[in-house]
């Protein structure tokens, strides 16, 4: 597993509780509190503010998904975020 962790845990080769928890812990340490499991978004409470998760640039990038002709391809290029999941649900 990469030092950064895997954004979509469906891509983990050996899927078991240990690898899932290891991946979530790595991402949590880097303040990457959102992680995909296929179409599901896991959110780990950071117990602090993470300002880079609420920028106007990130919001605009995520909102583009609702008008994109290939939204699932665009989803792979974006970091996991609640706005991506909500835009896909809206679409």
N, C-alpha and C. Protein backbone atom coordinates (compact mmCIF):
# COMPACT_ATOMS: atom_id res chain seq x y z
N UNK A 1 0.84 -1.17 0.00
CA UNK A 1 0.00 0.00 0.00
C UNK A 1 0.88 1.23 0.00
N UNK A 2 0.47 2.21 -0.70
CA UNK A 2 1.24 3.45 -0.77
C UNK A 2 1.24 4.13 0.60
N UNK A 3 2.24 4.95 0.83
CA UNK A 3 2.38 5.65 2.09
C UNK A 3 1.17 6.55 2.35
N UNK A 4 0.60 7.06 1.28
CA UNK A 4 -0.55 7.96 1.36
C UNK A 4 -1.84 7.20 1.64
N UNK A 5 -1.87 5.94 1.32
CA UNK A 5 -3.10 5.17 1.45
C UNK A 5 -3.81 5.10 0.11
N UNK A 6 -4.80 4.28 0.05
CA UNK A 6 -5.56 4.07 -1.18
C UNK A 6 -6.90 4.79 -1.05
N UNK A 7 -7.24 5.64 -2.03
CA UNK A 7 -8.45 6.44 -1.96
C UNK A 7 -9.72 5.61 -2.08
N UNK A 8 -9.69 4.53 -2.86
CA UNK A 8 -10.85 3.65 -3.00
C UNK A 8 -10.44 2.26 -2.55
N UNK A 9 -10.98 1.82 -1.44
CA UNK A 9 -10.53 0.56 -0.84
C UNK A 9 -10.95 -0.67 -1.64
N UNK A 10 -11.75 -0.50 -2.66
CA UNK A 10 -12.07 -1.60 -3.56
C UNK A 10 -10.82 -2.05 -4.32
N UNK A 11 -9.86 -1.13 -4.46
CA UNK A 11 -8.63 -1.43 -5.21
C UNK A 11 -7.57 -2.16 -4.38
N UNK A 12 -7.85 -2.43 -3.11
CA UNK A 12 -6.89 -3.16 -2.27
C UNK A 12 -6.85 -4.62 -2.74
N UNK A 13 -5.63 -5.12 -2.96
CA UNK A 13 -5.47 -6.48 -3.46
C UNK A 13 -5.98 -7.53 -2.47
N UNK A 14 -5.51 -7.45 -1.25
CA UNK A 14 -5.90 -8.43 -0.23
C UNK A 14 -6.82 -7.73 0.76
N UNK A 15 -8.10 -7.89 0.57
CA UNK A 15 -9.08 -7.17 1.37
C UNK A 15 -9.42 -7.97 2.62
N UNK A 16 -9.06 -7.44 3.76
CA UNK A 16 -9.40 -8.04 5.05
C UNK A 16 -9.44 -6.93 6.09
N UNK A 17 -9.91 -7.19 7.30
CA UNK A 17 -10.02 -6.11 8.30
C UNK A 17 -8.69 -5.40 8.58
N UNK A 18 -7.59 -6.13 8.58
CA UNK A 18 -6.29 -5.51 8.88
C UNK A 18 -5.89 -4.51 7.79
N UNK A 19 -6.05 -4.87 6.53
CA UNK A 19 -5.66 -3.95 5.46
C UNK A 19 -6.59 -2.74 5.40
N UNK A 20 -7.88 -2.95 5.69
CA UNK A 20 -8.82 -1.84 5.71
C UNK A 20 -8.46 -0.84 6.81
N UNK A 21 -8.21 -1.35 8.01
CA UNK A 21 -7.86 -0.47 9.13
C UNK A 21 -6.52 0.21 8.90
N UNK A 22 -5.56 -0.50 8.33
CA UNK A 22 -4.25 0.08 8.03
C UNK A 22 -4.39 1.23 7.04
N UNK A 23 -5.19 1.03 6.01
CA UNK A 23 -5.41 2.07 5.01
C UNK A 23 -6.10 3.28 5.63
N UNK A 24 -7.15 3.04 6.41
CA UNK A 24 -7.85 4.16 7.05
C UNK A 24 -6.94 4.92 8.00
N UNK A 25 -6.09 4.21 8.74
CA UNK A 25 -5.16 4.87 9.67
C UNK A 25 -4.15 5.73 8.92
N UNK A 26 -3.61 5.23 7.82
CA UNK A 26 -2.66 6.02 7.03
C UNK A 26 -3.31 7.28 6.49
N UNK A 27 -4.52 7.16 5.99
CA UNK A 27 -5.21 8.32 5.44
C UNK A 27 -5.58 9.31 6.55
N UNK A 28 -5.99 8.80 7.69
CA UNK A 28 -6.37 9.65 8.82
C UNK A 28 -5.18 10.47 9.31
N UNK A 29 -4.01 9.86 9.35
CA UNK A 29 -2.79 10.56 9.79
C UNK A 29 -2.46 11.73 8.88
N UNK A 30 -2.84 11.64 7.62
CA UNK A 30 -2.57 12.69 6.64
C UNK A 30 -3.75 13.67 6.51
N UNK A 31 -4.72 13.56 7.40
CA UNK A 31 -5.94 14.37 7.36
C UNK A 31 -6.76 14.11 6.10
N UNK A 32 -6.61 12.95 5.51
CA UNK A 32 -7.49 12.52 4.42
C UNK A 32 -8.63 11.74 5.07
N UNK A 33 -9.64 12.48 5.51
CA UNK A 33 -10.68 11.85 6.33
C UNK A 33 -11.73 11.13 5.50
N UNK A 34 -11.79 11.39 4.20
CA UNK A 34 -12.76 10.72 3.33
C UNK A 34 -12.08 9.61 2.55
N UNK A 35 -12.72 8.44 2.50
CA UNK A 35 -12.20 7.30 1.77
C UNK A 35 -13.38 6.58 1.11
N UNK A 36 -13.22 6.24 -0.15
CA UNK A 36 -14.26 5.50 -0.86
C UNK A 36 -14.15 4.00 -0.59
N UNK A 37 -15.31 3.35 -0.60
CA UNK A 37 -15.41 1.90 -0.69
C UNK A 37 -16.42 1.68 -1.80
N UNK A 38 -15.93 1.72 -3.04
CA UNK A 38 -16.83 1.68 -4.19
C UNK A 38 -17.65 2.95 -4.22
N UNK A 39 -18.99 2.83 -4.24
CA UNK A 39 -19.84 4.02 -4.29
C UNK A 39 -20.10 4.64 -2.91
N UNK A 40 -19.59 4.00 -1.86
CA UNK A 40 -19.81 4.45 -0.48
C UNK A 40 -18.65 5.32 -0.04
N UNK A 41 -18.93 6.34 0.74
CA UNK A 41 -17.90 7.23 1.27
C UNK A 41 -17.81 7.03 2.78
N UNK A 42 -16.62 6.67 3.26
CA UNK A 42 -16.37 6.59 4.69
C UNK A 42 -15.78 7.92 5.14
N UNK A 43 -16.24 8.42 6.28
CA UNK A 43 -15.71 9.66 6.83
C UNK A 43 -15.24 9.39 8.25
N UNK A 44 -13.98 9.72 8.53
CA UNK A 44 -13.41 9.57 9.86
C UNK A 44 -13.35 10.95 10.50
N UNK A 45 -13.96 11.11 11.65
CA UNK A 45 -14.00 12.41 12.33
C UNK A 45 -12.59 12.81 12.77
N UNK A 46 -12.04 13.93 12.24
CA UNK A 46 -10.68 14.32 12.61
C UNK A 46 -10.61 15.04 13.96
N UNK A 47 -11.76 15.37 14.56
CA UNK A 47 -11.83 16.09 15.83
C UNK A 47 -11.09 17.42 15.77
N UNK A 48 -11.02 18.01 14.58
CA UNK A 48 -10.40 19.32 14.37
C UNK A 48 -10.85 19.82 13.00
N UNK A 49 -10.64 21.09 12.76
CA UNK A 49 -10.96 21.66 11.45
C UNK A 49 -9.87 21.28 10.45
N UNK A 50 -10.28 20.90 9.25
CA UNK A 50 -9.34 20.61 8.16
C UNK A 50 -9.71 21.58 7.03
N UNK A 51 -9.08 22.77 7.03
CA UNK A 51 -9.48 23.83 6.11
C UNK A 51 -9.39 23.47 4.63
N UNK A 52 -8.46 22.62 4.24
CA UNK A 52 -8.30 22.31 2.81
C UNK A 52 -9.46 21.49 2.26
N UNK A 53 -10.38 21.05 3.12
CA UNK A 53 -11.54 20.28 2.66
C UNK A 53 -12.73 21.17 2.29
N UNK A 54 -12.58 22.47 2.51
CA UNK A 54 -13.71 23.37 2.30
C UNK A 54 -13.28 24.61 1.52
N UNK A 55 -12.51 24.43 0.47
CA UNK A 55 -12.05 25.57 -0.33
C UNK A 55 -13.00 25.79 -1.51
N UNK A 56 -13.13 27.02 -1.97
CA UNK A 56 -13.99 27.29 -3.13
C UNK A 56 -13.50 26.56 -4.39
N UNK A 57 -12.18 26.42 -4.54
CA UNK A 57 -11.63 25.72 -5.71
C UNK A 57 -12.04 24.25 -5.71
N UNK A 58 -11.94 23.62 -4.55
CA UNK A 58 -12.32 22.20 -4.44
C UNK A 58 -13.82 22.02 -4.68
N UNK A 59 -14.61 22.95 -4.15
CA UNK A 59 -16.06 22.87 -4.35
C UNK A 59 -16.41 22.98 -5.83
N UNK A 60 -15.79 23.93 -6.52
CA UNK A 60 -16.06 24.11 -7.95
C UNK A 60 -15.64 22.87 -8.74
N UNK A 61 -14.50 22.30 -8.38
CA UNK A 61 -14.02 21.10 -9.06
C UNK A 61 -14.99 19.93 -8.86
N UNK A 62 -15.50 19.80 -7.64
CA UNK A 62 -16.44 18.71 -7.36
C UNK A 62 -17.79 18.94 -8.03
N UNK A 63 -18.23 20.19 -8.11
CA UNK A 63 -19.52 20.50 -8.71
C UNK A 63 -19.55 20.23 -10.21
N UNK A 64 -18.38 20.23 -10.85
CA UNK A 64 -18.32 19.94 -12.29
C UNK A 64 -18.78 18.54 -12.62
N UNK A 65 -18.78 17.67 -11.65
CA UNK A 65 -19.10 16.26 -11.90
C UNK A 65 -20.56 16.10 -12.35
N UNK A 66 -21.44 16.99 -11.90
CA UNK A 66 -22.86 16.82 -12.25
C UNK A 66 -23.16 17.12 -13.71
N UNK A 67 -22.27 17.86 -14.38
CA UNK A 67 -22.48 18.20 -15.79
C UNK A 67 -21.55 17.43 -16.73
N UNK A 68 -20.67 16.62 -16.18
CA UNK A 68 -19.68 15.91 -16.99
C UNK A 68 -20.33 14.72 -17.70
N UNK A 69 -19.99 14.47 -18.96
CA UNK A 69 -20.57 13.32 -19.67
C UNK A 69 -20.06 11.96 -19.15
N UNK A 70 -18.91 11.95 -18.50
CA UNK A 70 -18.37 10.72 -17.92
C UNK A 70 -18.06 10.96 -16.44
N UNK A 71 -19.11 11.03 -15.60
CA UNK A 71 -18.89 11.41 -14.19
C UNK A 71 -18.04 10.41 -13.40
N UNK A 72 -18.16 9.13 -13.70
CA UNK A 72 -17.39 8.15 -12.94
C UNK A 72 -15.90 8.23 -13.26
N UNK A 73 -15.55 8.61 -14.48
CA UNK A 73 -14.14 8.83 -14.82
C UNK A 73 -13.60 10.05 -14.08
N UNK A 74 -14.40 11.10 -14.02
CA UNK A 74 -13.99 12.31 -13.30
C UNK A 74 -13.85 12.02 -11.81
N UNK A 75 -14.72 11.18 -11.28
CA UNK A 75 -14.65 10.81 -9.86
C UNK A 75 -13.29 10.19 -9.53
N UNK A 76 -12.75 9.39 -10.43
CA UNK A 76 -11.45 8.76 -10.19
C UNK A 76 -10.32 9.77 -10.11
N UNK A 77 -10.49 10.92 -10.76
CA UNK A 77 -9.45 11.95 -10.77
C UNK A 77 -9.56 12.92 -9.59
N UNK A 78 -10.67 12.88 -8.88
CA UNK A 78 -10.88 13.76 -7.74
C UNK A 78 -10.61 13.02 -6.45
N UNK A 79 -10.19 13.76 -5.43
CA UNK A 79 -10.01 13.13 -4.12
C UNK A 79 -11.39 12.80 -3.54
N UNK A 80 -11.47 11.77 -2.71
CA UNK A 80 -12.76 11.44 -2.09
C UNK A 80 -13.29 12.64 -1.30
N UNK A 81 -14.56 12.94 -1.51
CA UNK A 81 -15.16 14.07 -0.82
C UNK A 81 -16.67 13.92 -0.81
N UNK A 82 -17.31 14.47 0.20
CA UNK A 82 -18.76 14.41 0.32
C UNK A 82 -19.44 15.14 -0.84
N UNK A 83 -18.81 16.19 -1.36
CA UNK A 83 -19.41 16.92 -2.48
C UNK A 83 -19.45 16.08 -3.74
N UNK A 84 -18.46 15.23 -3.95
CA UNK A 84 -18.45 14.35 -5.13
C UNK A 84 -19.61 13.37 -5.04
N UNK A 85 -19.79 12.75 -3.88
CA UNK A 85 -20.86 11.78 -3.69
C UNK A 85 -22.22 12.45 -3.83
N UNK A 86 -22.37 13.64 -3.27
CA UNK A 86 -23.66 14.33 -3.36
C UNK A 86 -23.97 14.75 -4.80
N UNK A 87 -22.96 15.18 -5.55
CA UNK A 87 -23.18 15.55 -6.96
C UNK A 87 -23.54 14.34 -7.81
N UNK A 88 -22.92 13.21 -7.52
CA UNK A 88 -23.27 11.98 -8.25
C UNK A 88 -24.70 11.56 -7.92
N UNK A 89 -25.10 11.71 -6.67
CA UNK A 89 -26.48 11.36 -6.27
C UNK A 89 -27.47 12.30 -6.93
N UNK A 90 -27.12 13.58 -7.02
CA UNK A 90 -28.00 14.56 -7.64
C UNK A 90 -28.17 14.27 -9.11
N UNK A 91 -27.06 13.87 -9.74
CA UNK A 91 -27.06 13.59 -11.18
C UNK A 91 -28.00 12.46 -11.49
